Amino acid sequence: VQLQAFGGGLVQTGGSLRLSCGASRRIISSNVMGWYRQAPGKEREWVARITGGGSTSYADFVRGRFTISRDNAKNTLYLQMNSLKPEDTAVYYCKTMYWGRDIWGPGTQVTVSS
């Protein structure tokens, strides 16, 4: 299975972006799906997660600003990012597990200007 994240870009502080993640197999609705990010010079960090049952969880630094969701019919995962801050600048990745292996898609760059 392959994942592909897209929708990144350049936005001003306080702005919004919506990231999308598509999968080559119909797994979005049933798998635990996650968003992660990696800023320059920093380790990759977890951002948000949605389970097959639809439960969501968020890292403290995005809770209340970001929303993870999915469209089962479109087999697409989303990350709605509001009230963006310069410290949100990073490459964002979607991730799942498939047959016991971590599957990462190529990231999409999000840059928040101050």
C-alpha atoms as a PDB file:
ATOM      1  CA  VAL A   1       0.000   0.000   0.000  1.00  0.00           C
ATOM      2  CA  GLN A   2       1.160   3.551  -0.718  1.00  0.00           C
ATOM      3  CA  LEU A   3       0.172   6.847   0.849  1.00  0.00           C
ATOM      4  CA  GLN A   4       0.451  10.300  -0.631  1.00  0.00           C
ATOM      5  CA  ALA A   5      -0.013  13.525   1.299  1.00  0.00           C
ATOM      6  CA  PHE A   6      -0.712  16.796  -0.463  1.00  0.00           C
ATOM      7  CA  GLY A   7      -2.175  20.215   0.159  1.00  0.00           C
ATOM      8  CA  GLY A   8       0.750  21.943   1.831  1.00  0.00           C
ATOM      9  CA  GLY A   9       1.852  25.432   1.007  1.00  0.00           C
ATOM     10  CA  LEU A  10       2.756  28.851   2.305  1.00  0.00           C
ATOM     11  CA  VAL A  11       0.319  30.600   4.624  1.00  0.00           C
ATOM     12  CA  GLN A  12       0.473  33.568   6.963  1.00  0.00           C
ATOM     13  CA  THR A  13       0.216  33.318  10.722  1.00  0.00           C
ATOM     14  CA  GLY A  14      -3.387  32.761  11.700  1.00  0.00           C
ATOM     15  CA  GLY A  15      -4.274  31.221   8.361  1.00  0.00           C
ATOM     16  CA  SER A  16      -5.619  27.795   7.490  1.00  0.00           C
ATOM     17  CA  LEU A  17      -4.684  24.865   5.303  1.00  0.00           C
ATOM     18  CA  ARG A  18      -6.233  21.476   4.698  1.00  0.00           C
ATOM     19  CA  LEU A  19      -3.952  18.543   4.051  1.00  0.00           C
ATOM     20  CA  SER A  20      -5.162  15.418   2.307  1.00  0.00           C
ATOM     21  CA  CYS A  21      -3.768  11.912   2.214  1.00  0.00           C
ATOM     22  CA  GLY A  22      -4.789   9.297  -0.308  1.00  0.00           C
ATOM     23  CA  ALA A  23      -4.062   5.588  -0.201  1.00  0.00           C
ATOM     24  CA  SER A  24      -3.530   3.099  -2.991  1.00  0.00           C
ATOM     25  CA  ARG A  25      -5.785   0.590  -1.211  1.00  0.00           C
ATOM     26  CA  ARG A  26      -9.085   1.120   0.569  1.00  0.00           C
ATOM     27  CA  ILE A  27      -7.670   1.289   4.086  1.00  0.00           C
ATOM     28  CA  ILE A  28      -8.514   4.817   5.209  1.00  0.00           C
ATOM     29  CA  SER A  29     -11.863   3.792   6.709  1.00  0.00           C
ATOM     30  CA  SER A  30     -10.581   0.790   8.639  1.00  0.00           C
ATOM     31  CA  ASN A  31      -7.001   1.495   9.679  1.00  0.00           C
ATOM     32  CA  VAL A  32      -5.608   3.712  12.370  1.00  0.00           C
ATOM     33  CA  MET A  33      -4.377   6.704  10.392  1.00  0.00           C
ATOM     34  CA  GLY A  34      -2.018   9.339  11.708  1.00  0.00           C
ATOM     35  CA  TRP A  35      -0.479  12.661  10.820  1.00  0.00           C
ATOM     36  CA  TYR A  36       3.085  13.445  11.825  1.00  0.00           C
ATOM     37  CA  ARG A  37       5.394  16.349  11.146  1.00  0.00           C
ATOM     38  CA  GLN A  38       9.088  17.084  11.072  1.00  0.00           C
ATOM     39  CA  ALA A  39      10.534  20.546  11.353  1.00  0.00           C
ATOM     40  CA  PRO A  40      14.074  21.356  10.192  1.00  0.00           C
ATOM     41  CA  GLY A  41      16.616  20.067  12.680  1.00  0.00           C
ATOM     42  CA  LYS A  42      13.979  18.335  14.791  1.00  0.00           C
ATOM     43  CA  GLU A  43      12.721  14.799  15.175  1.00  0.00           C
ATOM     44  CA  ARG A  44       9.498  13.681  13.574  1.00  0.00           C
ATOM     45  CA  GLU A  45       6.576  14.116  15.971  1.00  0.00           C
ATOM     46  CA  TRP A  46       3.051  12.807  16.151  1.00  0.00           C
ATOM     47  CA  VAL A  47       0.270  15.316  15.444  1.00  0.00           C
ATOM     48  CA  ALA A  48      -3.073  13.523  15.306  1.00  0.00           C
ATOM     49  CA  ARG A  49      -4.667  10.092  14.971  1.00  0.00           C
ATOM     50  CA  ILE A  50      -8.000   8.646  13.937  1.00  0.00           C
ATOM     51  CA  THR A  51      -8.961   5.039  14.600  1.00  0.00           C
ATOM     52  CA  GLY A  52     -11.010   2.724  12.472  1.00  0.00           C
ATOM     53  CA  GLY A  53     -13.908   3.418  14.801  1.00  0.00           C
ATOM     54  CA  GLY A  54     -13.556   7.142  14.315  1.00  0.00           C
ATOM     55  CA  SER A  55     -11.989   8.098  17.630  1.00  0.00           C
ATOM     56  CA  THR A  56      -9.581  10.997  17.355  1.00  0.00           C
ATOM     57  CA  SER A  57      -6.673  12.180  19.445  1.00  0.00           C
ATOM     58  CA  TYR A  58      -4.303  15.121  19.172  1.00  0.00           C
ATOM     59  CA  ALA A  59      -0.955  16.297  20.381  1.00  0.00           C
ATOM     60  CA  ASP A  60      -1.283  19.062  22.951  1.00  0.00           C
ATOM     61  CA  PHE A  61       0.351  21.619  20.690  1.00  0.00           C
ATOM     62  CA  VAL A  62      -2.378  21.301  18.014  1.00  0.00           C
ATOM     63  CA  ARG A  63      -5.462  20.444  20.065  1.00  0.00           C
ATOM     64  CA  GLY A  64      -8.213  22.938  19.393  1.00  0.00           C
ATOM     65  CA  ARG A  65      -6.589  24.158  16.177  1.00  0.00           C
ATOM     66  CA  PHE A  66      -6.257  21.033  14.022  1.00  0.00           C
ATOM     67  CA  THR A  67      -8.929  18.512  13.106  1.00  0.00           C
ATOM     68  CA  ILE A  68      -8.311  15.069  11.666  1.00  0.00           C
ATOM     69  CA  SER A  69     -11.063  13.484   9.621  1.00  0.00           C
ATOM     70  CA  ARG A  70     -11.638  11.120   6.743  1.00  0.00           C
ATOM     71  CA  ASP A  71     -13.946  10.568   3.815  1.00  0.00           C
ATOM     72  CA  ASN A  72     -14.490   6.849   3.511  1.00  0.00           C
ATOM     73  CA  ALA A  73     -16.088   7.083   0.086  1.00  0.00           C
ATOM     74  CA  LYS A  74     -13.077   8.957  -1.248  1.00  0.00           C
ATOM     75  CA  ASN A  75     -10.601   6.844   0.731  1.00  0.00           C
ATOM     76  CA  THR A  76      -8.986  10.086   1.857  1.00  0.00           C
ATOM     77  CA  LEU A  77      -7.638  11.322   5.170  1.00  0.00           C
ATOM     78  CA  TYR A  78      -7.645  15.023   6.038  1.00  0.00           C
ATOM     79  CA  LEU A  79      -5.983  17.375   8.452  1.00  0.00           C
ATOM     80  CA  GLN A  80      -7.696  20.734   8.773  1.00  0.00           C
ATOM     81  CA  MET A  81      -5.227  23.192  10.254  1.00  0.00           C
ATOM     82  CA  ASN A  82      -6.502  26.504  11.600  1.00  0.00           C
ATOM     83  CA  SER A  83      -4.850  29.333  13.503  1.00  0.00           C
ATOM     84  CA  LEU A  84      -1.498  28.340  12.107  1.00  0.00           C
ATOM     85  CA  LYS A  85       1.651  29.509  13.828  1.00  0.00           C
ATOM     86  CA  PRO A  86       5.220  29.809  12.543  1.00  0.00           C
ATOM     87  CA  GLU A  87       6.152  26.868  14.777  1.00  0.00           C
ATOM     88  CA  ASP A  88       3.768  24.699  12.732  1.00  0.00           C
ATOM     89  CA  THR A  89       6.201  24.987   9.826  1.00  0.00           C
ATOM     90  CA  ALA A  90       7.260  21.450   8.955  1.00  0.00           C
ATOM     91  CA  VAL A  91       6.950  18.642   6.479  1.00  0.00           C
ATOM     92  CA  TYR A  92       3.722  16.810   7.254  1.00  0.00           C
ATOM     93  CA  TYR A  93       3.359  13.071   6.721  1.00  0.00           C
ATOM     94  CA  CYS A  94       0.471  10.652   6.861  1.00  0.00           C
ATOM     95  CA  LYS A  95       1.078   7.207   8.260  1.00  0.00           C
ATOM     96  CA  THR A  96      -0.621   3.895   8.844  1.00  0.00           C
ATOM     97  CA  MET A  97       0.262   0.315   9.551  1.00  0.00           C
ATOM     98  CA  TYR A  98      -0.325  -2.445   7.039  1.00  0.00           C
ATOM     99  CA  TRP A  99       0.435  -6.094   7.697  1.00  0.00           C
ATOM    100  CA  GLY A 100       2.560  -5.066  10.677  1.00  0.00           C
ATOM    101  CA  ARG A 101       4.648  -2.522   8.815  1.00  0.00           C
ATOM    102  CA  ASP A 102       4.668   1.238   9.177  1.00  0.00           C
ATOM    103  CA  ILE A 103       3.670   2.870   5.919  1.00  0.00           C
ATOM    104  CA  TRP A 104       4.677   6.474   5.374  1.00  0.00           C
ATOM    105  CA  GLY A 105       3.777   8.654   2.481  1.00  0.00           C
ATOM    106  CA  PRO A 106       6.020  11.359   1.050  1.00  0.00           C
ATOM    107  CA  GLY A 107       5.488  14.488   3.053  1.00  0.00           C
ATOM    108  CA  THR A 108       4.024  17.819   2.096  1.00  0.00           C
ATOM    109  CA  GLN A 109       5.660  21.072   3.142  1.00  0.00           C
ATOM    110  CA  VAL A 110       3.736  23.539   5.280  1.00  0.00           C
ATOM    111  CA  THR A 111       5.332  26.928   5.807  1.00  0.00           C
ATOM    112  CA  VAL A 112       3.771  29.519   8.083  1.00  0.00           C
ATOM    113  CA  SER A 113       5.160  33.012   7.716  1.00  0.00           C
ATOM    114  CA  SER A 114       5.212  35.439  10.607  1.00  0.00           C
END
